[in-house]
């Protein structure tokens, strides 16, 4: 059985003298390799810091010199007022 924490649980039972059973569980843990620095950089790719731990989305339009537009997006949009 695989649990919510992504561990695999194997159940086994052992019979002792009489009618009592004891159940044992063996869990196998998986190795987790997460690149938190890379994930943070990818998350910040389309945002600009406005200080105090807050971010604003920037325009997704790519300029002629292959750089992103650095203007702030309109509310609920992916582009600034120039590129909409």
PDB file of N, CA and C in Angstrom:
ATOM      1  N   UNK A   1       0.847  -1.171   0.000  1.00  0.00           N
ATOM      2  CA  UNK A   1       0.000   0.000   0.000  1.00  0.00           C
ATOM      3  C   UNK A   1       0.893   1.233   0.000  1.00  0.00           C
ATOM      4  N   UNK A   2       0.571   2.221  -0.824  1.00  0.00           N
ATOM      5  CA  UNK A   2       1.323   3.470  -0.861  1.00  0.00           C
ATOM      6  C   UNK A   2       0.534   4.511  -0.075  1.00  0.00           C
ATOM      7  N   UNK A   3       1.197   5.165   0.871  1.00  0.00           N
ATOM      8  CA  UNK A   3       0.528   6.137   1.723  1.00  0.00           C
ATOM      9  C   UNK A   3       0.606   7.528   1.115  1.00  0.00           C
ATOM     10  N   UNK A   4      -0.047   8.521   1.753  1.00  0.00           N
ATOM     11  CA  UNK A   4      -0.043   9.886   1.245  1.00  0.00           C
ATOM     12  C   UNK A   4       1.338  10.499   1.261  1.00  0.00           C
ATOM     13  N   UNK A   5       2.216  10.039   2.127  1.00  0.00           N
ATOM     14  CA  UNK A   5       3.565  10.585   2.195  1.00  0.00           C
ATOM     15  C   UNK A   5       4.513   9.877   1.227  1.00  0.00           C
ATOM     16  N   UNK A   6       3.953   9.154   0.268  1.00  0.00           N
ATOM     17  CA  UNK A   6       4.714   8.475  -0.792  1.00  0.00           C
ATOM     18  C   UNK A   6       5.634   7.386  -0.258  1.00  0.00           C
ATOM     19  N   UNK A   7       5.296   6.810   0.892  1.00  0.00           N
ATOM     20  CA  UNK A   7       6.068   5.681   1.395  1.00  0.00           C
ATOM     21  C   UNK A   7       5.302   4.412   1.100  1.00  0.00           C
ATOM     22  N   UNK A   8       6.014   3.368   0.887  1.00  0.00           N
ATOM     23  CA  UNK A   8       5.395   2.090   0.590  1.00  0.00           C
ATOM     24  C   UNK A   8       5.378   1.267   1.864  1.00  0.00           C
ATOM     25  N   UNK A   9       4.234   0.747   2.199  1.00  0.00           N
ATOM     26  CA  UNK A   9       4.084  -0.003   3.442  1.00  0.00           C
ATOM     27  C   UNK A   9       3.825  -1.464   3.105  1.00  0.00           C
ATOM     28  N   UNK A  10       4.612  -2.336   3.698  1.00  0.00           N
ATOM     29  CA  UNK A  10       4.418  -3.772   3.510  1.00  0.00           C
ATOM     30  C   UNK A  10       3.957  -4.358   4.834  1.00  0.00           C
ATOM     31  N   UNK A  11       2.834  -5.050   4.806  1.00  0.00           N
ATOM     32  CA  UNK A  11       2.297  -5.629   6.031  1.00  0.00           C
ATOM     33  C   UNK A  11       2.610  -7.112   6.081  1.00  0.00           C
ATOM     34  N   UNK A  12       2.927  -7.572   7.257  1.00  0.00           N
ATOM     35  CA  UNK A  12       3.140  -8.999   7.456  1.00  0.00           C
ATOM     36  C   UNK A  12       2.561  -9.381   8.809  1.00  0.00           C
ATOM     37  N   UNK A  13       2.122 -10.600   8.918  1.00  0.00           N
ATOM     38  CA  UNK A  13       1.556 -11.077  10.181  1.00  0.00           C
ATOM     39  C   UNK A  13       2.360 -12.257  10.683  1.00  0.00           C
ATOM     40  N   UNK A  14       2.453 -12.366  11.984  1.00  0.00           N
ATOM     41  CA  UNK A  14       3.169 -13.466  12.619  1.00  0.00           C
ATOM     42  C   UNK A  14       2.207 -14.117  13.598  1.00  0.00           C
ATOM     43  N   UNK A  15       2.057 -15.438  13.517  1.00  0.00           N
ATOM     44  CA  UNK A  15       1.218 -16.175  14.453  1.00  0.00           C
ATOM     45  C   UNK A  15       2.082 -16.710  15.591  1.00  0.00           C
ATOM     46  N   UNK A  16       1.642 -16.452  16.814  1.00  0.00           N
ATOM     47  CA  UNK A  16       2.313 -16.993  17.977  1.00  0.00           C
ATOM     48  C   UNK A  16       1.519 -18.204  18.462  1.00  0.00           C
ATOM     49  N   UNK A  17       1.970 -18.807  19.527  1.00  0.00           N
ATOM     50  CA  UNK A  17       1.235 -19.937  20.108  1.00  0.00           C
ATOM     51  C   UNK A  17      -0.148 -19.458  20.518  1.00  0.00           C
ATOM     52  N   UNK A  18      -1.136 -20.142  20.130  1.00  0.00           N
ATOM     53  CA  UNK A  18      -2.504 -19.723  20.439  1.00  0.00           C
ATOM     54  C   UNK A  18      -3.111 -19.025  19.229  1.00  0.00           C
ATOM     55  N   UNK A  19      -4.095 -18.225  19.460  1.00  0.00           N
ATOM     56  CA  UNK A  19      -4.820 -17.583  18.373  1.00  0.00           C
ATOM     57  C   UNK A  19      -4.452 -16.119  18.156  1.00  0.00           C
ATOM     58  N   UNK A  20      -3.476 -15.574  18.884  1.00  0.00           N
ATOM     59  CA  UNK A  20      -3.158 -14.148  18.752  1.00  0.00           C
ATOM     60  C   UNK A  20      -2.239 -13.918  17.549  1.00  0.00           C
ATOM     61  N   UNK A  21      -2.502 -12.832  16.851  1.00  0.00           N
ATOM     62  CA  UNK A  21      -1.669 -12.439  15.709  1.00  0.00           C
ATOM     63  C   UNK A  21      -1.068 -11.077  15.997  1.00  0.00           C
ATOM     64  N   UNK A  22       0.156 -10.873  15.573  1.00  0.00           N
ATOM     65  CA  UNK A  22       0.811  -9.580  15.695  1.00  0.00           C
ATOM     66  C   UNK A  22       1.130  -9.116  14.286  1.00  0.00           C
ATOM     67  N   UNK A  23       0.723  -7.884  13.969  1.00  0.00           N
ATOM     68  CA  UNK A  23       0.962  -7.343  12.632  1.00  0.00           C
ATOM     69  C   UNK A  23       2.144  -6.383  12.677  1.00  0.00           C
ATOM     70  N   UNK A  24       3.027  -6.503  11.696  1.00  0.00           N
ATOM     71  CA  UNK A  24       4.188  -5.640  11.578  1.00  0.00           C
ATOM     72  C   UNK A  24       4.101  -4.903  10.248  1.00  0.00           C
ATOM     73  N   UNK A  25       4.561  -3.682  10.237  1.00  0.00           N
ATOM     74  CA  UNK A  25       4.628  -2.909   8.994  1.00  0.00           C
ATOM     75  C   UNK A  25       6.062  -2.488   8.747  1.00  0.00           C
ATOM     76  N   UNK A  26       6.493  -2.668   7.522  1.00  0.00           N
ATOM     77  CA  UNK A  26       7.829  -2.254   7.113  1.00  0.00           C
ATOM     78  C   UNK A  26       7.643  -1.141   6.095  1.00  0.00           C
ATOM     79  N   UNK A  27       8.204   0.023   6.340  1.00  0.00           N
ATOM     80  CA  UNK A  27       8.053   1.132   5.405  1.00  0.00           C
ATOM     81  C   UNK A  27       9.350   1.332   4.635  1.00  0.00           C
ATOM     82  N   UNK A  28       9.193   1.633   3.376  1.00  0.00           N
ATOM     83  CA  UNK A  28      10.323   1.916   2.500  1.00  0.00           C
ATOM     84  C   UNK A  28      10.231   3.383   2.131  1.00  0.00           C
ATOM     85  N   UNK A  29      11.255   4.156   2.432  1.00  0.00           N
ATOM     86  CA  UNK A  29      11.243   5.589   2.123  1.00  0.00           C
ATOM     87  C   UNK A  29      12.010   5.826   0.844  1.00  0.00           C
ATOM     88  N   UNK A  30      11.461   6.729   0.024  1.00  0.00           N
ATOM     89  CA  UNK A  30      12.079   7.065  -1.245  1.00  0.00           C
ATOM     90  C   UNK A  30      12.934   8.317  -1.089  1.00  0.00           C
ATOM     91  N   UNK A  31      14.000   8.378  -1.842  1.00  0.00           N
ATOM     92  CA  UNK A  31      14.883   9.535  -1.809  1.00  0.00           C
ATOM     93  C   UNK A  31      14.249  10.675  -2.601  1.00  0.00           C
ATOM     94  N   UNK A  32      14.288  11.883  -2.047  1.00  0.00           N
ATOM     95  CA  UNK A  32      13.703  13.055  -2.696  1.00  0.00           C
ATOM     96  C   UNK A  32      14.827  14.011  -3.048  1.00  0.00           C
ATOM     97  N   UNK A  33      14.940  14.322  -4.333  1.00  0.00           N
ATOM     98  CA  UNK A  33      15.950  15.266  -4.803  1.00  0.00           C
ATOM     99  C   UNK A  33      15.232  16.454  -5.428  1.00  0.00           C
ATOM    100  N   UNK A  34      15.180  17.572  -4.705  1.00  0.00           N
ATOM    101  CA  UNK A  34      14.534  18.778  -5.201  1.00  0.00           C
ATOM    102  C   UNK A  34      15.570  19.890  -5.245  1.00  0.00           C
ATOM    103  N   UNK A  35      15.675  20.535  -6.384  1.00  0.00           N
ATOM    104  CA  UNK A  35      16.576  21.670  -6.543  1.00  0.00           C
ATOM    105  C   UNK A  35      15.798  22.934  -6.179  1.00  0.00           C
ATOM    106  N   UNK A  36      15.853  23.346  -4.915  1.00  0.00           N
ATOM    107  CA  UNK A  36      15.077  24.495  -4.459  1.00  0.00           C
ATOM    108  C   UNK A  36      15.564  25.792  -5.071  1.00  0.00           C
ATOM    109  N   UNK A  37      16.872  25.935  -5.311  1.00  0.00           N
ATOM    110  CA  UNK A  37      17.387  27.155  -5.922  1.00  0.00           C
ATOM    111  C   UNK A  37      16.882  27.285  -7.354  1.00  0.00           C
ATOM    112  N   UNK A  38      16.904  26.187  -8.105  1.00  0.00           N
ATOM    113  CA  UNK A  38      16.414  26.211  -9.487  1.00  0.00           C
ATOM    114  C   UNK A  38      14.917  26.472  -9.545  1.00  0.00           C
ATOM    115  N   UNK A  39      14.172  25.886  -8.611  1.00  0.00           N
ATOM    116  CA  UNK A  39      12.727  26.110  -8.571  1.00  0.00           C
ATOM    117  C   UNK A  39      12.410  27.559  -8.244  1.00  0.00           C
ATOM    118  N   UNK A  40      13.178  28.152  -7.341  1.00  0.00           N
ATOM    119  CA  UNK A  40      12.970  29.551  -6.976  1.00  0.00           C
ATOM    120  C   UNK A  40      13.263  30.471  -8.156  1.00  0.00           C
ATOM    121  N   UNK A  41      14.340  30.205  -8.879  1.00  0.00           N
ATOM    122  CA  UNK A  41      14.680  31.016 -10.054  1.00  0.00           C
ATOM    123  C   UNK A  41      13.613  30.895 -11.147  1.00  0.00           C
ATOM    124  N   UNK A  42      13.098  29.691 -11.360  1.00  0.00           N
ATOM    125  CA  UNK A  42      12.049  29.505 -12.359  1.00  0.00           C
ATOM    126  C   UNK A  42      10.772  30.231 -11.959  1.00  0.00           C
ATOM    127  N   UNK A  43      10.450  30.253 -10.664  1.00  0.00           N
ATOM    128  CA  UNK A  43       9.254  30.935 -10.191  1.00  0.00           C
ATOM    129  C   UNK A  43       9.388  32.449 -10.358  1.00  0.00           C
ATOM    130  N   UNK A  44      10.606  32.972 -10.166  1.00  0.00           N
ATOM    131  CA  UNK A  44      10.843  34.420 -10.273  1.00  0.00           C
ATOM    132  C   UNK A  44      11.062  34.894 -11.702  1.00  0.00           C
ATOM    133  N   UNK A  45      11.064  33.991 -12.678  1.00  0.00           N
ATOM    134  CA  UNK A  45      11.409  34.348 -14.057  1.00  0.00           C
ATOM    135  C   UNK A  45      10.485  35.402 -14.654  1.00  0.00           C
ATOM    136  N   UNK A  46       9.205  35.393 -14.329  1.00  0.00           N
ATOM    137  CA  UNK A  46       8.274  36.361 -14.911  1.00  0.00           C
ATOM    138  C   UNK A  46       7.755  37.341 -13.862  1.00  0.00           C
ATOM    139  N   UNK A  47       8.556  37.598 -12.829  1.00  0.00           N
ATOM    140  CA  UNK A  47       8.152  38.509 -11.760  1.00  0.00           C
ATOM    141  C   UNK A  47       9.264  39.499 -11.455  1.00  0.00           C
ATOM    142  N   UNK A  48       8.896  40.620 -10.852  1.00  0.00           N
ATOM    143  CA  UNK A  48       9.862  41.614 -10.403  1.00  0.00           C
ATOM    144  C   UNK A  48       9.590  41.891  -8.934  1.00  0.00           C
ATOM    145  N   UNK A  49      10.639  41.992  -8.147  1.00  0.00           N
ATOM    146  CA  UNK A  49      10.492  42.232  -6.716  1.00  0.00           C
ATOM    147  C   UNK A  49      10.112  43.683  -6.477  1.00  0.00           C
ATOM    148  N   UNK A  50       9.095  43.898  -5.642  1.00  0.00           N
ATOM    149  CA  UNK A  50       8.702  45.264  -5.282  1.00  0.00           C
ATOM    150  C   UNK A  50       9.014  45.528  -3.815  1.00  0.00           C
ATOM    151  N   UNK A  51       9.826  44.663  -3.231  1.00  0.00           N
ATOM    152  CA  UNK A  51      10.271  44.842  -1.858  1.00  0.00           C
ATOM    153  C   UNK A  51       9.366  44.155  -0.850  1.00  0.00           C
ATOM    154  N   UNK A  52       9.901  43.939   0.327  1.00  0.00           N
ATOM    155  CA  UNK A  52       9.156  43.367   1.442  1.00  0.00           C
ATOM    156  C   UNK A  52       8.619  41.974   1.148  1.00  0.00           C
ATOM    157  N   UNK A  53       9.308  41.212   0.293  1.00  0.00           N
ATOM    158  CA  UNK A  53       8.881  39.850  -0.032  1.00  0.00           C
ATOM    159  C   UNK A  53       7.717  39.775  -0.994  1.00  0.00           C
ATOM    160  N   UNK A  54       7.391  40.885  -1.642  1.00  0.00           N
ATOM    161  CA  UNK A  54       6.267  40.929  -2.592  1.00  0.00           C
ATOM    162  C   UNK A  54       6.794  40.991  -4.021  1.00  0.00           C
ATOM    163  N   UNK A  55       6.001  40.459  -4.944  1.00  0.00           N
ATOM    164  CA  UNK A  55       6.391  40.428  -6.349  1.00  0.00           C
ATOM    165  C   UNK A  55       5.227  40.863  -7.226  1.00  0.00           C
ATOM    166  N   UNK A  56       5.557  41.440  -8.389  1.00  0.00           N
ATOM    167  CA  UNK A  56       4.565  41.788  -9.401  1.00  0.00           C
ATOM    168  C   UNK A  56       4.957  41.069 -10.682  1.00  0.00           C
ATOM    169  N   UNK A  57       3.956  40.633 -11.446  1.00  0.00           N
ATOM    170  CA  UNK A  57       4.228  40.003 -12.729  1.00  0.00           C
ATOM    171  C   UNK A  57       4.704  41.047 -13.726  1.00  0.00           C
ATOM    172  N   UNK A  58       5.622  40.647 -14.614  1.00  0.00           N
ATOM    173  CA  UNK A  58       6.096  41.542 -15.669  1.00  0.00           C
ATOM    174  C   UNK A  58       5.541  41.063 -16.999  1.00  0.00           C
ATOM    175  N   UNK A  59       5.548  41.955 -17.972  1.00  0.00           N
ATOM    176  CA  UNK A  59       5.030  41.674 -19.309  1.00  0.00           C
ATOM    177  C   UNK A  59       5.785  40.500 -19.930  1.00  0.00           C
ATOM    178  N   UNK A  60       5.080  39.638 -20.643  1.00  0.00           N
ATOM    179  CA  UNK A  60       5.693  38.454 -21.252  1.00  0.00           C
ATOM    180  C   UNK A  60       6.139  38.682 -22.689  1.00  0.00           C
ATOM    181  N   UNK A  61       5.969  39.887 -23.208  1.00  0.00           N
ATOM    182  CA  UNK A  61       6.363  40.189 -24.579  1.00  0.00           C
ATOM    183  C   UNK A  61       7.880  40.197 -24.699  1.00  0.00           C
ATOM    184  N   UNK A  62       8.406  39.567 -25.745  1.00  0.00           N
ATOM    185  CA  UNK A  62       9.850  39.543 -25.992  1.00  0.00           C
ATOM    186  C   UNK A  62      10.168  40.638 -27.001  1.00  0.00           C
ATOM    187  N   UNK A  63      11.113  41.498 -26.640  1.00  0.00           N
ATOM    188  CA  UNK A  63      11.492  42.629 -27.483  1.00  0.00           C
ATOM    189  C   UNK A  63      12.341  42.179 -28.665  1.00  0.00           C
ATOM    190  N   UNK A  64      12.671  43.114 -29.526  1.00  0.00           N
ATOM    191  CA  UNK A  64      13.466  42.810 -30.720  1.00  0.00           C
ATOM    192  C   UNK A  64      14.863  42.290 -30.384  1.00  0.00           C
ATOM    193  N   UNK A  65      15.414  42.703 -29.245  1.00  0.00           N
ATOM    194  CA  UNK A  65      16.756  42.255 -28.869  1.00  0.00           C
ATOM    195  C   UNK A  65      16.710  41.016 -27.969  1.00  0.00           C
ATOM    196  N   UNK A  66      15.625  40.225 -28.056  1.00  0.00           N
ATOM    197  CA  UNK A  66      15.446  38.962 -27.320  1.00  0.00           C
ATOM    198  C   UNK A  66      15.502  39.104 -25.805  1.00  0.00           C
ATOM    199  N   UNK A  67      15.015  40.209 -25.281  1.00  0.00           N
ATOM    200  CA  UNK A  67      14.871  40.385 -23.841  1.00  0.00           C
ATOM    201  C   UNK A  67      13.395  40.598 -23.530  1.00  0.00           C
ATOM    202  N   UNK A  68      13.017  40.301 -22.315  1.00  0.00           N
ATOM    203  CA  UNK A  68      11.623  40.496 -21.916  1.00  0.00           C
ATOM    204  C   UNK A  68      11.361  41.957 -21.609  1.00  0.00           C
ATOM    205  N   UNK A  69      10.133  42.377 -21.866  1.00  0.00           N
ATOM    206  CA  UNK A  69       9.685  43.708 -21.474  1.00  0.00           C
ATOM    207  C   UNK A  69       9.641  43.742 -19.954  1.00  0.00           C
ATOM    208  N   UNK A  70      10.110  44.792 -19.332  1.00  0.00           N
ATOM    209  CA  UNK A  70      10.190  44.867 -17.873  1.00  0.00           C
ATOM    210  C   UNK A  70       9.041  45.653 -17.254  1.00  0.00           C
ATOM    211  N   UNK A  71       8.027  46.026 -18.040  1.00  0.00           N
ATOM    212  CA  UNK A  71       6.899  46.772 -17.494  1.00  0.00           C
ATOM    213  C   UNK A  71       5.978  45.849 -16.702  1.00  0.00           C
ATOM    214  N   UNK A  72       5.256  46.420 -15.736  1.00  0.00           N
ATOM    215  CA  UNK A  72       4.300  45.655 -14.940  1.00  0.00           C
ATOM    216  C   UNK A  72       3.073  45.321 -15.768  1.00  0.00           C
ATOM    217  N   UNK A  73       2.515  44.149 -15.522  1.00  0.00           N
ATOM    218  CA  UNK A  73       1.314  43.699 -16.234  1.00  0.00           C
ATOM    219  C   UNK A  73       0.086  44.452 -15.744  1.00  0.00           C
ATOM    220  N   UNK A  74      -0.904  44.507 -16.621  1.00  0.00           N
ATOM    221  CA  UNK A  74      -2.207  45.011 -16.209  1.00  0.00           C
ATOM    222  C   UNK A  74      -2.857  43.987 -15.298  1.00  0.00           C
ATOM    223  N   UNK A  75      -3.782  44.404 -14.489  1.00  0.00           N
ATOM    224  CA  UNK A  75      -4.443  43.530 -13.539  1.00  0.00           C
ATOM    225  C   UNK A  75      -5.171  42.400 -14.259  1.00  0.00           C
ATOM    226  N   UNK A  76      -4.796  41.164 -13.998  1.00  0.00           N
ATOM    227  CA  UNK A  76      -5.423  39.997 -14.602  1.00  0.00           C
ATOM    228  C   UNK A  76      -4.963  39.702 -16.021  1.00  0.00           C
ATOM    229  N   UNK A  77      -3.937  40.374 -16.493  1.00  0.00           N
ATOM    230  CA  UNK A  77      -3.434  40.187 -17.865  1.00  0.00           C
ATOM    231  C   UNK A  77      -1.994  39.691 -17.838  1.00  0.00           C
ATOM    232  N   UNK A  78      -1.493  39.221 -19.007  1.00  0.00           N
ATOM    233  CA  UNK A  78      -0.111  38.757 -19.131  1.00  0.00           C
ATOM    234  C   UNK A  78       0.789  39.801 -19.773  1.00  0.00           C
ATOM    235  N   UNK A  79       0.208  40.910 -20.264  1.00  0.00           N
ATOM    236  CA  UNK A  79       0.968  41.923 -20.979  1.00  0.00           C
ATOM    237  C   UNK A  79       0.736  43.302 -20.364  1.00  0.00           C
ATOM    238  N   UNK A  80       1.664  44.205 -20.624  1.00  0.00           N
ATOM    239  CA  UNK A  80       1.531  45.578 -20.140  1.00  0.00           C
ATOM    240  C   UNK A  80       0.594  46.365 -21.060  1.00  0.00           C
ATOM    241  N   UNK A  81       0.356  47.645 -20.740  1.00  0.00           N
ATOM    242  CA  UNK A  81      -0.586  48.433 -21.526  1.00  0.00           C
ATOM    243  C   UNK A  81      -0.057  48.715 -22.936  1.00  0.00           C
ATOM    244  N   UNK A  82       1.249  48.712 -23.123  1.00  0.00           N
ATOM    245  CA  UNK A  82       1.831  48.947 -24.448  1.00  0.00           C
ATOM    246  C   UNK A  82       1.613  47.745 -25.365  1.00  0.00           C
ATOM    247  N   UNK A  83       1.792  46.531 -24.844  1.00  0.00           N
ATOM    248  CA  UNK A  83       1.758  45.310 -25.664  1.00  0.00           C
ATOM    249  C   UNK A  83       0.408  44.619 -25.694  1.00  0.00           C
ATOM    250  N   UNK A  84      -0.594  45.152 -25.017  1.00  0.00           N
ATOM    251  CA  UNK A  84      -1.912  44.533 -25.015  1.00  0.00           C
ATOM    252  C   UNK A  84      -2.523  44.728 -26.361  1.00  0.00           C
TER     253      UNK A  84
END
